[in-house]
Amino acid sequence: MPLYIESLRDQRYPDRTIRGYLGCLAHFSYWIKNEDLELLILDATLIERFLLNHLSVCTCPAPSYCTAANSGAALRHLLRVVAREQTARL
């Protein structure tokens, strides 16, 4: 998570937004675990499944971040951070 937070701070996201995005990531992580999914590859398909199939019927315990807009933004940012990190390792 440090790279994710650092990336958001570098882009001058306010702390409130960063906390919200971290909550979205926690919700996504909870969903992955609850669905017994193996997170071998983080990709747009998995994120779409979460946004389109899960959020519309979400009954996760509070606090859960259930807006598709915020969750989508947080998860797309995560994809970019992961892609940059993978590229840097090559």
PDB file of N, CA and C in Angstrom:
ATOM      1  N   MET A   1       0.777  -1.212   0.000  1.00  0.00           N
ATOM      2  CA  MET A   1       0.000   0.000   0.000  1.00  0.00           C
ATOM      3  C   MET A   1       0.824   1.285   0.000  1.00  0.00           C
ATOM      4  N   PRO A   2       2.057   1.256   0.485  1.00  0.00           N
ATOM      5  CA  PRO A   2       2.821   2.513   0.485  1.00  0.00           C
ATOM      6  C   PRO A   2       2.968   3.131  -0.908  1.00  0.00           C
ATOM      7  N   LEU A   3       3.197   2.312  -1.942  1.00  0.00           N
ATOM      8  CA  LEU A   3       3.323   2.862  -3.294  1.00  0.00           C
ATOM      9  C   LEU A   3       2.019   3.477  -3.769  1.00  0.00           C
ATOM     10  N   TYR A   4       0.930   2.854  -3.411  1.00  0.00           N
ATOM     11  CA  TYR A   4      -0.393   3.361  -3.790  1.00  0.00           C
ATOM     12  C   TYR A   4      -0.632   4.730  -3.150  1.00  0.00           C
ATOM     13  N   ILE A   5      -0.396   4.816  -1.866  1.00  0.00           N
ATOM     14  CA  ILE A   5      -0.594   6.071  -1.144  1.00  0.00           C
ATOM     15  C   ILE A   5       0.369   7.135  -1.665  1.00  0.00           C
ATOM     16  N   GLU A   6       1.614   6.761  -1.868  1.00  0.00           N
ATOM     17  CA  GLU A   6       2.612   7.705  -2.377  1.00  0.00           C
ATOM     18  C   GLU A   6       2.204   8.250  -3.744  1.00  0.00           C
ATOM     19  N   SER A   7       1.692   7.373  -4.588  1.00  0.00           N
ATOM     20  CA  SER A   7       1.249   7.790  -5.909  1.00  0.00           C
ATOM     21  C   SER A   7       0.104   8.797  -5.814  1.00  0.00           C
ATOM     22  N   LEU A   8      -0.847   8.536  -4.944  1.00  0.00           N
ATOM     23  CA  LEU A   8      -1.962   9.465  -4.765  1.00  0.00           C
ATOM     24  C   LEU A   8      -1.473  10.804  -4.212  1.00  0.00           C
ATOM     25  N   ARG A   9      -0.566  10.752  -3.261  1.00  0.00           N
ATOM     26  CA  ARG A   9      -0.021  11.998  -2.691  1.00  0.00           C
ATOM     27  C   ARG A   9       0.767  12.780  -3.726  1.00  0.00           C
ATOM     28  N   ASP A  10       1.527  12.076  -4.558  1.00  0.00           N
ATOM     29  CA  ASP A  10       2.280  12.747  -5.620  1.00  0.00           C
ATOM     30  C   ASP A  10       1.359  13.488  -6.579  1.00  0.00           C
ATOM     31  N   GLN A  11       0.156  12.968  -6.737  1.00  0.00           N
ATOM     32  CA  GLN A  11      -0.832  13.596  -7.617  1.00  0.00           C
ATOM     33  C   GLN A  11      -1.714  14.600  -6.868  1.00  0.00           C
ATOM     34  N   ARG A  12      -1.336  14.851  -5.626  1.00  0.00           N
ATOM     35  CA  ARG A  12      -1.993  15.850  -4.771  1.00  0.00           C
ATOM     36  C   ARG A  12      -3.453  15.526  -4.416  1.00  0.00           C
ATOM     37  N   TYR A  13      -3.741  14.230  -4.276  1.00  0.00           N
ATOM     38  CA  TYR A  13      -5.060  13.837  -3.790  1.00  0.00           C
ATOM     39  C   TYR A  13      -5.163  14.236  -2.318  1.00  0.00           C
ATOM     40  N   PRO A  14      -6.301  14.757  -1.894  1.00  0.00           N
ATOM     41  CA  PRO A  14      -6.454  15.100  -0.474  1.00  0.00           C
ATOM     42  C   PRO A  14      -6.526  13.843   0.396  1.00  0.00           C
ATOM     43  N   ASP A  15      -6.139  13.999   1.659  1.00  0.00           N
ATOM     44  CA  ASP A  15      -6.144  12.858   2.586  1.00  0.00           C
ATOM     45  C   ASP A  15      -7.510  12.194   2.670  1.00  0.00           C
ATOM     46  N   ARG A  16      -8.566  12.956   2.617  1.00  0.00           N
ATOM     47  CA  ARG A  16      -9.923  12.395   2.689  1.00  0.00           C
ATOM     48  C   ARG A  16     -10.181  11.446   1.516  1.00  0.00           C
ATOM     49  N   THR A  17      -9.734  11.827   0.343  1.00  0.00           N
ATOM     50  CA  THR A  17      -9.904  10.972  -0.839  1.00  0.00           C
ATOM     51  C   THR A  17      -9.057   9.718  -0.706  1.00  0.00           C
ATOM     52  N   ILE A  18      -7.833   9.877  -0.225  1.00  0.00           N
ATOM     53  CA  ILE A  18      -6.952   8.718  -0.033  1.00  0.00           C
ATOM     54  C   ILE A  18      -7.587   7.738   0.946  1.00  0.00           C
ATOM     55  N   ARG A  19      -8.126   8.235   2.052  1.00  0.00           N
ATOM     56  CA  ARG A  19      -8.793   7.344   3.016  1.00  0.00           C
ATOM     57  C   ARG A  19      -9.981   6.628   2.365  1.00  0.00           C
ATOM     58  N   GLY A  20     -10.741   7.350   1.582  1.00  0.00           N
ATOM     59  CA  GLY A  20     -11.875   6.733   0.888  1.00  0.00           C
ATOM     60  C   GLY A  20     -11.433   5.657  -0.083  1.00  0.00           C
ATOM     61  N   TYR A  21     -10.369   5.945  -0.839  1.00  0.00           N
ATOM     62  CA  TYR A  21      -9.848   4.964  -1.789  1.00  0.00           C
ATOM     63  C   TYR A  21      -9.324   3.729  -1.068  1.00  0.00           C
ATOM     64  N   LEU A  22      -8.657   3.929   0.053  1.00  0.00           N
ATOM     65  CA  LEU A  22      -8.176   2.781   0.831  1.00  0.00           C
ATOM     66  C   LEU A  22      -9.350   1.950   1.336  1.00  0.00           C
ATOM     67  N   GLY A  23     -10.436   2.609   1.702  1.00  0.00           N
ATOM     68  CA  GLY A  23     -11.644   1.886   2.095  1.00  0.00           C
ATOM     69  C   GLY A  23     -12.204   1.066   0.937  1.00  0.00           C
ATOM     70  N   CYS A  24     -12.150   1.630  -0.267  1.00  0.00           N
ATOM     71  CA  CYS A  24     -12.600   0.893  -1.454  1.00  0.00           C
ATOM     72  C   CYS A  24     -11.732  -0.339  -1.688  1.00  0.00           C
ATOM     73  N   LEU A  25     -10.430  -0.175  -1.509  1.00  0.00           N
ATOM     74  CA  LEU A  25      -9.529  -1.321  -1.684  1.00  0.00           C
ATOM     75  C   LEU A  25      -9.784  -2.389  -0.628  1.00  0.00           C
ATOM     76  N   ALA A  26     -10.077  -1.949   0.599  1.00  0.00           N
ATOM     77  CA  ALA A  26     -10.395  -2.908   1.666  1.00  0.00           C
ATOM     78  C   ALA A  26     -11.663  -3.677   1.322  1.00  0.00           C
ATOM     79  N   HIS A  27     -12.657  -2.978   0.799  1.00  0.00           N
ATOM     80  CA  HIS A  27     -13.916  -3.627   0.396  1.00  0.00           C
ATOM     81  C   HIS A  27     -13.654  -4.645  -0.715  1.00  0.00           C
ATOM     82  N   PHE A  28     -12.866  -4.257  -1.703  1.00  0.00           N
ATOM     83  CA  PHE A  28     -12.502  -5.150  -2.807  1.00  0.00           C
ATOM     84  C   PHE A  28     -11.785  -6.385  -2.274  1.00  0.00           C
ATOM     85  N   SER A  29     -10.863  -6.184  -1.362  1.00  0.00           N
ATOM     86  CA  SER A  29     -10.117  -7.282  -0.757  1.00  0.00           C
ATOM     87  C   SER A  29     -11.045  -8.215   0.026  1.00  0.00           C
ATOM     88  N   TYR A  30     -11.975  -7.626   0.772  1.00  0.00           N
ATOM     89  CA  TYR A  30     -12.950  -8.415   1.522  1.00  0.00           C
ATOM     90  C   TYR A  30     -13.774  -9.272   0.564  1.00  0.00           C
ATOM     91  N   TRP A  31     -14.206  -8.678  -0.532  1.00  0.00           N
ATOM     92  CA  TRP A  31     -15.007  -9.398  -1.518  1.00  0.00           C
ATOM     93  C   TRP A  31     -14.219 -10.561  -2.111  1.00  0.00           C
ATOM     94  N   ILE A  32     -12.958 -10.320  -2.460  1.00  0.00           N
ATOM     95  CA  ILE A  32     -12.124 -11.386  -3.019  1.00  0.00           C
ATOM     96  C   ILE A  32     -12.035 -12.553  -2.032  1.00  0.00           C
ATOM     97  N   LYS A  33     -11.776 -12.230  -0.782  1.00  0.00           N
ATOM     98  CA  LYS A  33     -11.660 -13.282   0.236  1.00  0.00           C
ATOM     99  C   LYS A  33     -12.998 -13.990   0.449  1.00  0.00           C
ATOM    100  N   ASN A  34     -14.068 -13.227   0.538  1.00  0.00           N
ATOM    101  CA  ASN A  34     -15.393 -13.785   0.781  1.00  0.00           C
ATOM    102  C   ASN A  34     -15.866 -14.683  -0.367  1.00  0.00           C
ATOM    103  N   GLU A  35     -15.432 -14.370  -1.572  1.00  0.00           N
ATOM    104  CA  GLU A  35     -15.792 -15.162  -2.753  1.00  0.00           C
ATOM    105  C   GLU A  35     -14.833 -16.337  -2.967  1.00  0.00           C
ATOM    106  N   ASP A  36     -13.840 -16.470  -2.084  1.00  0.00           N
ATOM    107  CA  ASP A  36     -12.813 -17.513  -2.221  1.00  0.00           C
ATOM    108  C   ASP A  36     -12.109 -17.450  -3.572  1.00  0.00           C
ATOM    109  N   LEU A  37     -11.840 -16.240  -4.021  1.00  0.00           N
ATOM    110  CA  LEU A  37     -11.137 -16.048  -5.282  1.00  0.00           C
ATOM    111  C   LEU A  37      -9.638 -16.021  -5.016  1.00  0.00           C
ATOM    112  N   GLU A  38      -8.886 -16.569  -5.932  1.00  0.00           N
ATOM    113  CA  GLU A  38      -7.438 -16.472  -5.858  1.00  0.00           C
ATOM    114  C   GLU A  38      -7.026 -15.274  -6.693  1.00  0.00           C
ATOM    115  N   LEU A  39      -6.346 -14.361  -6.076  1.00  0.00           N
ATOM    116  CA  LEU A  39      -5.909 -13.171  -6.795  1.00  0.00           C
ATOM    117  C   LEU A  39      -4.538 -13.435  -7.404  1.00  0.00           C
ATOM    118  N   LEU A  40      -4.547 -14.128  -8.530  1.00  0.00           N
ATOM    119  CA  LEU A  40      -3.299 -14.407  -9.226  1.00  0.00           C
ATOM    120  C   LEU A  40      -2.915 -13.231 -10.114  1.00  0.00           C
ATOM    121  N   ILE A  41      -3.912 -12.633 -10.730  1.00  0.00           N
ATOM    122  CA  ILE A  41      -3.686 -11.497 -11.617  1.00  0.00           C
ATOM    123  C   ILE A  41      -4.776 -10.468 -11.348  1.00  0.00           C
ATOM    124  N   LEU A  42      -4.349  -9.270 -11.042  1.00  0.00           N
ATOM    125  CA  LEU A  42      -5.281  -8.158 -10.893  1.00  0.00           C
ATOM    126  C   LEU A  42      -5.482  -7.568 -12.274  1.00  0.00           C
ATOM    127  N   ASP A  43      -6.702  -7.637 -12.761  1.00  0.00           N
ATOM    128  CA  ASP A  43      -6.960  -7.098 -14.090  1.00  0.00           C
ATOM    129  C   ASP A  43      -8.322  -6.427 -14.151  1.00  0.00           C
ATOM    130  N   ALA A  44      -8.572  -5.782 -15.277  1.00  0.00           N
ATOM    131  CA  ALA A  44      -9.806  -5.022 -15.462  1.00  0.00           C
ATOM    132  C   ALA A  44     -11.035  -5.919 -15.392  1.00  0.00           C
ATOM    133  N   THR A  45     -10.915  -7.164 -15.808  1.00  0.00           N
ATOM    134  CA  THR A  45     -12.053  -8.085 -15.780  1.00  0.00           C
ATOM    135  C   THR A  45     -12.508  -8.345 -14.351  1.00  0.00           C
ATOM    136  N   LEU A  46     -11.575  -8.569 -13.460  1.00  0.00           N
ATOM    137  CA  LEU A  46     -11.910  -8.801 -12.054  1.00  0.00           C
ATOM    138  C   LEU A  46     -12.531  -7.547 -11.444  1.00  0.00           C
ATOM    139  N   ILE A  47     -11.984  -6.411 -11.783  1.00  0.00           N
ATOM    140  CA  ILE A  47     -12.525  -5.147 -11.265  1.00  0.00           C
ATOM    141  C   ILE A  47     -13.940  -4.916 -11.787  1.00  0.00           C
ATOM    142  N   GLU A  48     -14.164  -5.176 -13.062  1.00  0.00           N
ATOM    143  CA  GLU A  48     -15.508  -5.032 -13.629  1.00  0.00           C
ATOM    144  C   GLU A  48     -16.495  -5.962 -12.937  1.00  0.00           C
ATOM    145  N   ARG A  49     -16.066  -7.172 -12.667  1.00  0.00           N
ATOM    146  CA  ARG A  49     -16.930  -8.132 -11.965  1.00  0.00           C
ATOM    147  C   ARG A  49     -17.338  -7.581 -10.603  1.00  0.00           C
ATOM    148  N   PHE A  50     -16.384  -7.018  -9.879  1.00  0.00           N
ATOM    149  CA  PHE A  50     -16.675  -6.410  -8.582  1.00  0.00           C
ATOM    150  C   PHE A  50     -17.629  -5.226  -8.738  1.00  0.00           C
ATOM    151  N   LEU A  51     -17.330  -4.337  -9.676  1.00  0.00           N
ATOM    152  CA  LEU A  51     -18.136  -3.128  -9.841  1.00  0.00           C
ATOM    153  C   LEU A  51     -19.543  -3.428 -10.344  1.00  0.00           C
ATOM    154  N   LEU A  52     -19.645  -4.303 -11.321  1.00  0.00           N
ATOM    155  CA  LEU A  52     -20.939  -4.549 -11.952  1.00  0.00           C
ATOM    156  C   LEU A  52     -21.785  -5.609 -11.251  1.00  0.00           C
ATOM    157  N   ASN A  53     -21.138  -6.660 -10.768  1.00  0.00           N
ATOM    158  CA  ASN A  53     -21.905  -7.761 -10.185  1.00  0.00           C
ATOM    159  C   ASN A  53     -22.047  -7.661  -8.676  1.00  0.00           C
ATOM    160  N   HIS A  54     -21.027  -7.199  -8.000  1.00  0.00           N
ATOM    161  CA  HIS A  54     -21.077  -7.181  -6.541  1.00  0.00           C
ATOM    162  C   HIS A  54     -21.719  -5.921  -5.972  1.00  0.00           C
ATOM    163  N   LEU A  55     -21.266  -4.767  -6.414  1.00  0.00           N
ATOM    164  CA  LEU A  55     -21.716  -3.530  -5.767  1.00  0.00           C
ATOM    165  C   LEU A  55     -23.226  -3.324  -5.845  1.00  0.00           C
ATOM    166  N   SER A  56     -23.837  -3.782  -6.910  1.00  0.00           N
ATOM    167  CA  SER A  56     -25.286  -3.575  -7.056  1.00  0.00           C
ATOM    168  C   SER A  56     -26.106  -4.381  -6.056  1.00  0.00           C
ATOM    169  N   VAL A  57     -25.511  -5.428  -5.504  1.00  0.00           N
ATOM    170  CA  VAL A  57     -26.216  -6.276  -4.528  1.00  0.00           C
ATOM    171  C   VAL A  57     -25.444  -6.407  -3.221  1.00  0.00           C
ATOM    172  N   CYS A  58     -24.527  -5.508  -2.975  1.00  0.00           N
ATOM    173  CA  CYS A  58     -23.604  -5.592  -1.843  1.00  0.00           C
ATOM    174  C   CYS A  58     -24.337  -5.632  -0.502  1.00  0.00           C
ATOM    175  N   THR A  59     -23.976  -6.629   0.298  1.00  0.00           N
ATOM    176  CA  THR A  59     -24.468  -6.720   1.674  1.00  0.00           C
ATOM    177  C   THR A  59     -23.297  -6.883   2.642  1.00  0.00           C
ATOM    178  N   CYS A  60     -22.135  -6.403   2.223  1.00  0.00           N
ATOM    179  CA  CYS A  60     -20.943  -6.490   3.070  1.00  0.00           C
ATOM    180  C   CYS A  60     -21.164  -5.679   4.342  1.00  0.00           C
ATOM    181  N   PRO A  61     -20.529  -6.094   5.428  1.00  0.00           N
ATOM    182  CA  PRO A  61     -20.693  -5.356   6.680  1.00  0.00           C
ATOM    183  C   PRO A  61     -20.091  -3.950   6.590  1.00  0.00           C
ATOM    184  N   ALA A  62     -20.665  -3.065   7.351  1.00  0.00           N
ATOM    185  CA  ALA A  62     -20.162  -1.693   7.404  1.00  0.00           C
ATOM    186  C   ALA A  62     -18.819  -1.674   8.109  1.00  0.00           C
ATOM    187  N   PRO A  63     -17.937  -0.780   7.809  1.00  0.00           N
ATOM    188  CA  PRO A  63     -18.109   0.171   6.701  1.00  0.00           C
ATOM    189  C   PRO A  63     -17.682  -0.469   5.391  1.00  0.00           C
ATOM    190  N   SER A  64     -18.508  -0.366   4.408  1.00  0.00           N
ATOM    191  CA  SER A  64     -18.118  -0.790   3.069  1.00  0.00           C
ATOM    192  C   SER A  64     -18.396   0.364   2.126  1.00  0.00           C
ATOM    193  N   TYR A  65     -17.566   0.498   1.153  1.00  0.00           N
ATOM    194  CA  TYR A  65     -17.666   1.599   0.205  1.00  0.00           C
ATOM    195  C   TYR A  65     -18.318   1.062  -1.049  1.00  0.00           C
ATOM    196  N   CYS A  66     -19.563   1.433  -1.249  1.00  0.00           N
ATOM    197  CA  CYS A  66     -20.368   0.773  -2.270  1.00  0.00           C
ATOM    198  C   CYS A  66     -20.631   1.598  -3.518  1.00  0.00           C
ATOM    199  N   THR A  67     -20.023   2.769  -3.646  1.00  0.00           N
ATOM    200  CA  THR A  67     -20.273   3.520  -4.865  1.00  0.00           C
ATOM    201  C   THR A  67     -19.342   3.044  -5.965  1.00  0.00           C
ATOM    202  N   ALA A  68     -19.933   2.783  -7.095  1.00  0.00           N
ATOM    203  CA  ALA A  68     -19.149   2.299  -8.224  1.00  0.00           C
ATOM    204  C   ALA A  68     -18.160   3.357  -8.698  1.00  0.00           C
ATOM    205  N   ALA A  69     -18.530   4.621  -8.620  1.00  0.00           N
ATOM    206  CA  ALA A  69     -17.635   5.686  -9.086  1.00  0.00           C
ATOM    207  C   ALA A  69     -16.355   5.721  -8.260  1.00  0.00           C
ATOM    208  N   ASN A  70     -16.474   5.774  -6.948  1.00  0.00           N
ATOM    209  CA  ASN A  70     -15.284   5.817  -6.097  1.00  0.00           C
ATOM    210  C   ASN A  70     -14.500   4.516  -6.165  1.00  0.00           C
ATOM    211  N   SER A  71     -15.191   3.396  -6.115  1.00  0.00           N
ATOM    212  CA  SER A  71     -14.504   2.107  -6.180  1.00  0.00           C
ATOM    213  C   SER A  71     -13.790   1.950  -7.516  1.00  0.00           C
ATOM    214  N   GLY A  72     -14.450   2.334  -8.593  1.00  0.00           N
ATOM    215  CA  GLY A  72     -13.834   2.241  -9.919  1.00  0.00           C
ATOM    216  C   GLY A  72     -12.583   3.091 -10.018  1.00  0.00           C
ATOM    217  N   ALA A  73     -12.658   4.314  -9.520  1.00  0.00           N
ATOM    218  CA  ALA A  73     -11.497   5.207  -9.557  1.00  0.00           C
ATOM    219  C   ALA A  73     -10.357   4.632  -8.719  1.00  0.00           C
ATOM    220  N   ALA A  74     -10.666   4.165  -7.531  1.00  0.00           N
ATOM    221  CA  ALA A  74      -9.640   3.609  -6.643  1.00  0.00           C
ATOM    222  C   ALA A  74      -8.985   2.378  -7.256  1.00  0.00           C
ATOM    223  N   LEU A  75      -9.781   1.513  -7.839  1.00  0.00           N
ATOM    224  CA  LEU A  75      -9.246   0.266  -8.399  1.00  0.00           C
ATOM    225  C   LEU A  75      -8.502   0.498  -9.709  1.00  0.00           C
ATOM    226  N   ARG A  76      -8.954   1.436 -10.520  1.00  0.00           N
ATOM    227  CA  ARG A  76      -8.204   1.764 -11.742  1.00  0.00           C
ATOM    228  C   ARG A  76      -6.846   2.359 -11.381  1.00  0.00           C
ATOM    229  N   HIS A  77      -6.824   3.168 -10.333  1.00  0.00           N
ATOM    230  CA  HIS A  77      -5.555   3.722  -9.886  1.00  0.00           C
ATOM    231  C   HIS A  77      -4.640   2.588  -9.408  1.00  0.00           C
ATOM    232  N   LEU A  78      -5.195   1.629  -8.697  1.00  0.00           N
ATOM    233  CA  LEU A  78      -4.413   0.477  -8.254  1.00  0.00           C
ATOM    234  C   LEU A  78      -3.814  -0.270  -9.448  1.00  0.00           C
ATOM    235  N   LEU A  79      -4.596  -0.463 -10.495  1.00  0.00           N
ATOM    236  CA  LEU A  79      -4.083  -1.127 -11.698  1.00  0.00           C
ATOM    237  C   LEU A  79      -2.887  -0.376 -12.273  1.00  0.00           C
ATOM    238  N   ARG A  80      -2.967   0.946 -12.317  1.00  0.00           N
ATOM    239  CA  ARG A  80      -1.862   1.745 -12.848  1.00  0.00           C
ATOM    240  C   ARG A  80      -0.609   1.610 -11.977  1.00  0.00           C
ATOM    241  N   VAL A  81      -0.794   1.647 -10.666  1.00  0.00           N
ATOM    242  CA  VAL A  81       0.350   1.517  -9.752  1.00  0.00           C
ATOM    243  C   VAL A  81       0.998   0.149  -9.907  1.00  0.00           C
ATOM    244  N   VAL A  82       0.191  -0.894  -9.975  1.00  0.00           N
ATOM    245  CA  VAL A  82       0.724  -2.256 -10.135  1.00  0.00           C
ATOM    246  C   VAL A  82       1.455  -2.379 -11.472  1.00  0.00           C
ATOM    247  N   ALA A  83       0.889  -1.837 -12.529  1.00  0.00           N
ATOM    248  CA  ALA A  83       1.532  -1.903 -13.848  1.00  0.00           C
ATOM    249  C   ALA A  83       2.871  -1.169 -13.848  1.00  0.00           C
ATOM    250  N   ARG A  84       2.919   0.006 -13.228  1.00  0.00           N
ATOM    251  CA  ARG A  84       4.177   0.753 -13.148  1.00  0.00           C
ATOM    252  C   ARG A  84       5.230  -0.029 -12.365  1.00  0.00           C
ATOM    253  N   GLU A  85       4.810  -0.644 -11.277  1.00  0.00           N
ATOM    254  CA  GLU A  85       5.741  -1.408 -10.447  1.00  0.00           C
ATOM    255  C   GLU A  85       6.270  -2.621 -11.215  1.00  0.00           C
ATOM    256  N   GLN A  86       5.400  -3.295 -11.948  1.00  0.00           N
ATOM    257  CA  GLN A  86       5.840  -4.452 -12.730  1.00  0.00           C
ATOM    258  C   GLN A  86       6.804  -4.026 -13.832  1.00  0.00           C
ATOM    259  N   THR A  87       6.543  -2.908 -14.471  1.00  0.00           N
ATOM    260  CA  THR A  87       7.421  -2.397 -15.517  1.00  0.00           C
ATOM    261  C   THR A  87       8.778  -2.017 -14.937  1.00  0.00           C
ATOM    262  N   ALA A  88       8.782  -1.425 -13.765  1.00  0.00           N
ATOM    263  CA  ALA A  88      10.027  -1.013 -13.129  1.00  0.00           C
ATOM    264  C   ALA A  88      10.898  -2.209 -12.747  1.00  0.00           C
ATOM    265  N   ARG A  89      10.283  -3.351 -12.501  1.00  0.00           N
ATOM    266  CA  ARG A  89      11.026  -4.552 -12.114  1.00  0.00           C
ATOM    267  C   ARG A  89      11.653  -5.265 -13.298  1.00  0.00           C
ATOM    268  N   LEU A  90      11.202  -4.931 -14.495  1.00  0.00           N
ATOM    269  CA  LEU A  90      11.735  -5.608 -15.701  1.00  0.00           C
ATOM    270  C   LEU A  90      13.073  -5.077 -16.103  1.00  0.00           C
TER     271      LEU A  90
END
